[in-house]
Amino acid sequence: MRNNSVLTKTLRGIAVAAAWIGIWWLASVLAKAAGAALVLPTPPAVVKALGALLVQKSFYASCLRSLLRVLGGWALGMCAGTALALASFFSRTLRALFSPMLHIVKATPVASFIIAALVLMGAGRVPVFTGMLISTPVVWANLSEGLLSPAPALLEMAGAFQMTRKNKIRFIYLPAVRPYFTAAATTAMGLSWKASIAAEVICTPKGSIGAGIYNAKIYLETPELFAWTLAVIVLSVLLEKALSAVLKASERRASA
């Protein structure tokens, strides 16, 4: 029964992908007929451009550099968001002090932060800073909600039985926060990836995915532009899948 379910999901996924590729192909044919072939290349043209990138060592070096920047921004955002959530949980004063920053970061366009950061630091550091800045509020908000999620009755019972602080953290707060942490980590990873690549496109650090996208746009190499974009999507999905697998494995180990 489980094998049939997996097969059905796989076939459904293939059918959906084929449908969207067909729509893309039809749209590119119509664009070519309208004299706008540069706007939307055909799927074979993009696959050919991607194949040309895959045989270049510089492509893998660019992907690795961008991946390290994304992971760096995400890791810093996780640390900063966790620290802010804990500080806000233990101190109302700190919560009131940091809350405006949370709203400012959420409301300000990412491009504004990127341009401002470019003035203050080198192009290679801006994607890391941007990824951290975008992911921090997500982690902060999720973990703050998780820390407040334990039922008051459960905390009262723990107090009545004189449960130690260590046991409260282990048996009450950690299980309550864990799903919020998982959601924060995966969401922050996706946001950090998009923000870091956007920063690379604007800052164009040498040997990066963003620089490849920018150069393809400048030289009107639309198939190559789509190929770089496809590489970004694939890497982002693989990274989020790997992170989800690691988090699920840690949850199973914690609950064992």
Protein backbone atom coordinates (compact mmCIF):
# COMPACT_ATOMS: atom_id res chain seq x y z
CA MET A 1 0.00 0.00 0.00
CA ARG A 2 2.83 2.39 0.90
CA ASN A 3 4.66 1.64 -2.35
CA ASN A 4 1.50 2.47 -4.31
CA SER A 5 1.21 5.77 -2.43
CA VAL A 6 4.82 6.68 -3.22
CA LEU A 7 4.33 5.70 -6.87
CA THR A 8 1.15 7.78 -7.11
CA LYS A 9 2.88 10.83 -5.63
CA THR A 10 5.83 10.38 -7.99
CA LEU A 11 3.62 10.07 -11.05
CA ARG A 12 1.57 13.07 -9.94
CA GLY A 13 4.75 15.12 -9.51
CA ILE A 14 5.99 14.11 -12.97
CA ALA A 15 2.63 15.01 -14.50
CA VAL A 16 2.58 18.44 -12.83
CA ALA A 17 6.16 19.15 -13.90
CA ALA A 18 5.39 18.06 -17.47
CA ALA A 19 2.31 20.30 -17.55
CA TRP A 20 4.26 23.37 -16.46
CA ILE A 21 7.08 22.62 -18.90
CA GLY A 22 4.47 22.37 -21.64
CA ILE A 23 2.99 25.73 -20.64
CA TRP A 24 6.48 27.25 -20.59
CA TRP A 25 7.26 25.79 -24.02
CA LEU A 26 4.02 27.11 -25.51
CA ALA A 27 4.64 30.56 -24.02
CA SER A 28 8.18 30.65 -25.45
CA VAL A 29 6.87 29.67 -28.92
CA LEU A 30 4.29 32.45 -28.75
CA ALA A 31 6.98 34.90 -27.61
CA LYS A 32 9.17 33.90 -30.56
CA ALA A 33 6.25 34.35 -32.96
CA ALA A 34 5.74 37.84 -31.51
CA GLY A 35 9.40 38.71 -32.09
CA ALA A 36 10.35 38.51 -28.41
CA ALA A 37 12.39 35.31 -28.38
CA LEU A 38 14.96 36.89 -26.03
CA VAL A 39 12.32 37.40 -23.35
CA LEU A 40 11.41 33.74 -22.86
CA PRO A 41 13.73 31.01 -24.19
CA THR A 42 12.49 27.48 -24.85
CA PRO A 43 13.15 24.67 -22.33
CA PRO A 44 15.69 22.95 -24.66
CA ALA A 45 17.65 26.22 -24.94
CA VAL A 46 17.78 26.52 -21.16
CA VAL A 47 18.81 22.87 -20.76
CA LYS A 48 21.58 23.42 -23.34
CA ALA A 49 22.79 26.52 -21.47
CA LEU A 50 22.70 24.61 -18.18
CA GLY A 51 24.68 21.79 -19.73
CA ALA A 52 27.31 24.30 -20.86
CA LEU A 53 27.55 25.59 -17.29
CA LEU A 54 27.80 22.11 -15.78
CA VAL A 55 31.04 21.35 -17.64
CA GLN A 56 32.74 24.46 -16.28
CA LYS A 57 34.73 24.26 -13.03
CA SER A 58 33.97 27.92 -12.37
CA PHE A 59 30.25 27.07 -12.14
CA TYR A 60 30.79 24.71 -9.22
CA ALA A 61 33.16 27.17 -7.55
CA SER A 62 30.53 29.90 -7.86
CA CYS A 63 27.84 27.63 -6.43
CA LEU A 64 30.08 26.66 -3.51
CA ARG A 65 30.92 30.28 -2.66
CA SER A 66 27.28 31.31 -2.80
CA LEU A 67 26.26 28.27 -0.75
CA LEU A 68 28.78 29.15 1.96
CA ARG A 69 27.47 32.72 2.07
CA VAL A 70 23.91 31.48 2.40
CA LEU A 71 24.82 29.06 5.18
CA GLY A 72 26.83 31.76 6.94
CA GLY A 73 23.96 34.24 6.87
CA TRP A 74 21.48 31.57 7.95
CA ALA A 75 23.67 30.38 10.85
CA LEU A 76 24.23 33.94 12.09
CA GLY A 77 20.51 34.63 11.78
CA MET A 78 19.68 31.51 13.78
CA CYS A 79 22.10 32.52 16.54
CA ALA A 80 20.93 36.15 16.61
CA GLY A 81 17.25 35.21 16.50
CA THR A 82 17.65 32.65 19.28
CA ALA A 83 19.54 35.11 21.48
CA LEU A 84 16.91 37.81 20.94
CA ALA A 85 14.06 35.38 21.64
CA LEU A 86 15.64 34.28 24.92
CA ALA A 87 16.41 37.87 25.93
CA SER A 88 12.84 38.93 25.14
CA PHE A 89 11.44 35.98 27.07
CA PHE A 90 13.37 36.74 30.25
CA SER A 91 13.09 40.54 30.14
CA ARG A 92 10.09 42.67 29.20
CA THR A 93 12.39 45.67 28.94
CA LEU A 94 14.55 43.98 26.32
CA ARG A 95 11.42 42.84 24.50
CA ALA A 96 10.16 46.43 24.33
CA LEU A 97 13.62 47.61 23.28
CA PHE A 98 14.09 45.12 20.42
CA SER A 99 10.50 44.92 19.13
CA PRO A 100 10.73 48.08 16.94
CA MET A 101 13.77 46.59 15.21
CA LEU A 102 11.73 43.50 14.32
CA HIS A 103 9.04 45.60 12.65
CA ILE A 104 11.59 47.79 10.86
CA VAL A 105 13.39 44.80 9.36
CA LYS A 106 10.09 43.24 8.27
CA ALA A 107 8.83 46.45 6.64
CA THR A 108 12.02 47.65 4.92
CA PRO A 109 12.69 46.38 1.36
CA VAL A 110 15.62 43.97 1.10
CA ALA A 111 17.23 46.12 -1.61
CA SER A 112 17.50 49.03 0.82
CA PHE A 113 19.49 46.93 3.28
CA ILE A 114 21.70 45.59 0.49
CA ILE A 115 22.59 49.05 -0.84
CA ALA A 116 23.17 50.44 2.65
CA ALA A 117 25.38 47.48 3.56
CA LEU A 118 27.35 47.82 0.33
CA VAL A 119 28.41 51.29 1.46
CA LEU A 120 29.63 49.97 4.81
CA MET A 121 31.27 46.64 3.90
CA GLY A 122 32.81 44.69 1.05
CA ALA A 123 30.70 43.08 -1.67
CA GLY A 124 31.54 39.57 -0.44
CA ARG A 125 30.19 40.24 3.05
CA VAL A 126 26.92 41.87 2.00
CA PRO A 127 25.13 38.59 1.06
CA VAL A 128 26.03 37.06 4.44
CA PHE A 129 24.82 40.17 6.28
CA THR A 130 21.61 40.28 4.23
CA GLY A 131 20.85 36.62 4.86
CA MET A 132 21.38 37.12 8.58
CA LEU A 133 19.23 40.25 8.69
CA ILE A 134 16.31 38.63 6.85
CA SER A 135 16.35 35.36 8.80
CA THR A 136 16.78 36.85 12.30
CA PRO A 137 13.19 38.20 12.69
CA VAL A 138 11.73 34.88 11.52
CA VAL A 139 13.71 32.91 14.08
CA TRP A 140 13.01 35.47 16.78
CA ALA A 141 9.24 35.49 16.21
CA ASN A 142 8.92 31.69 16.01
CA LEU A 143 11.03 30.92 19.05
CA SER A 144 9.35 33.65 21.09
CA GLU A 145 6.00 32.06 20.33
CA GLY A 146 7.38 28.63 21.20
CA LEU A 147 8.71 29.82 24.55
CA LEU A 148 5.25 31.17 25.43
CA SER A 149 3.41 28.05 24.23
CA PRO A 150 3.58 25.81 27.36
CA ALA A 151 0.21 25.77 29.12
CA PRO A 152 0.12 27.76 32.39
CA ALA A 153 -1.47 24.75 34.12
CA LEU A 154 1.53 22.62 33.15
CA LEU A 155 3.94 25.20 34.55
CA GLU A 156 1.88 25.42 37.75
CA MET A 157 2.00 21.66 38.13
CA ALA A 158 5.78 21.71 37.62
CA GLY A 159 6.03 24.32 40.36
CA ALA A 160 3.80 22.33 42.68
CA PHE A 161 6.03 19.27 42.28
CA GLN A 162 9.11 21.49 42.75
CA MET A 163 10.57 20.53 39.40
CA THR A 164 14.09 21.85 38.93
CA ARG A 165 14.83 24.49 36.30
CA LYS A 166 16.90 21.96 34.34
CA ASN A 167 13.98 19.52 34.20
CA LYS A 168 11.54 22.29 33.25
CA ILE A 169 13.76 23.17 30.32
CA ARG A 170 14.22 19.53 29.31
CA PHE A 171 10.68 18.22 29.71
CA ILE A 172 8.50 21.31 29.17
CA TYR A 173 10.21 24.05 27.22
CA LEU A 174 12.36 22.04 24.78
CA PRO A 175 9.48 19.83 23.55
CA ALA A 176 7.29 22.93 23.22
CA VAL A 177 9.91 24.95 21.33
CA ARG A 178 11.14 22.13 19.05
CA PRO A 179 8.41 22.39 16.34
CA TYR A 180 8.74 26.18 16.33
CA PHE A 181 12.51 25.84 15.96
CA THR A 182 12.07 23.46 13.03
CA ALA A 183 9.66 25.84 11.30
CA ALA A 184 11.96 28.79 11.97
CA ALA A 185 15.06 26.99 10.66
CA THR A 186 13.47 25.85 7.39
CA THR A 187 11.70 29.15 6.71
CA ALA A 188 14.84 31.15 7.54
CA MET A 189 16.87 28.94 5.19
CA GLY A 190 14.59 29.71 2.25
CA LEU A 191 14.53 33.44 3.00
CA SER A 192 18.27 33.58 3.59
CA TRP A 193 18.90 31.84 0.27
CA LYS A 194 16.75 34.27 -1.72
CA ALA A 195 18.06 37.35 0.10
CA SER A 196 21.70 36.31 -0.27
CA ILE A 197 21.37 35.63 -3.99
CA ALA A 198 19.55 38.96 -4.46
CA ALA A 199 22.42 40.66 -2.66
CA GLU A 200 24.91 38.93 -4.95
CA VAL A 201 23.02 40.13 -8.02
CA ILE A 202 23.26 43.72 -6.78
CA CYS A 203 26.80 43.55 -5.38
CA THR A 204 28.16 41.08 -7.99
CA PRO A 205 31.00 39.58 -5.90
CA LYS A 206 33.47 37.80 -8.17
CA GLY A 207 32.78 34.10 -8.73
CA SER A 208 29.21 33.88 -7.42
CA ILE A 209 25.80 32.80 -8.65
CA GLY A 210 24.57 36.39 -8.43
CA ALA A 211 27.41 37.59 -10.64
CA GLY A 212 26.55 34.88 -13.17
CA ILE A 213 22.90 36.00 -13.21
CA TYR A 214 23.90 39.66 -13.56
CA ASN A 215 26.36 38.99 -16.41
CA ALA A 216 23.79 36.88 -18.28
CA LYS A 217 21.30 39.73 -17.98
CA ILE A 218 23.82 42.36 -19.14
CA TYR A 219 24.77 40.37 -22.25
CA LEU A 220 21.15 39.38 -22.97
CA GLU A 221 21.98 35.67 -22.59
CA THR A 222 18.45 34.77 -21.55
CA PRO A 223 18.92 30.97 -21.72
CA GLU A 224 21.96 31.28 -19.44
CA LEU A 225 19.99 33.56 -17.12
CA PHE A 226 17.27 30.91 -16.84
CA ALA A 227 19.93 28.22 -16.37
CA TRP A 228 21.47 30.06 -13.42
CA THR A 229 18.00 30.60 -11.99
CA LEU A 230 17.24 26.89 -12.35
CA ALA A 231 20.49 26.09 -10.55
CA VAL A 232 19.44 28.42 -7.71
CA ILE A 233 16.06 26.68 -7.40
CA VAL A 234 17.57 23.19 -7.39
CA LEU A 235 20.23 24.10 -4.83
CA SER A 236 17.65 25.82 -2.62
CA VAL A 237 15.33 22.79 -2.67
CA LEU A 238 18.18 20.36 -1.97
CA LEU A 239 19.44 22.50 0.89
CA GLU A 240 16.01 22.75 2.51
CA LYS A 241 15.44 18.99 2.07
CA ALA A 242 18.79 18.24 3.69
CA LEU A 243 18.03 20.60 6.58
CA SER A 244 14.58 19.05 7.08
CA ALA A 245 16.10 15.56 7.14
CA VAL A 246 18.67 16.62 9.75
CA LEU A 247 16.03 18.28 11.93
CA LYS A 248 13.69 15.27 11.71
CA ALA A 249 16.53 12.93 12.62
CA SER A 250 17.40 15.08 15.65
CA GLU A 251 13.73 15.11 16.72
CA ARG A 252 13.54 11.31 16.54
CA ARG A 253 16.75 11.04 18.54
CA ALA A 254 15.43 13.46 21.17
CA SER A 255 12.12 11.63 21.52
CA ALA A 256 13.73 8.17 21.69
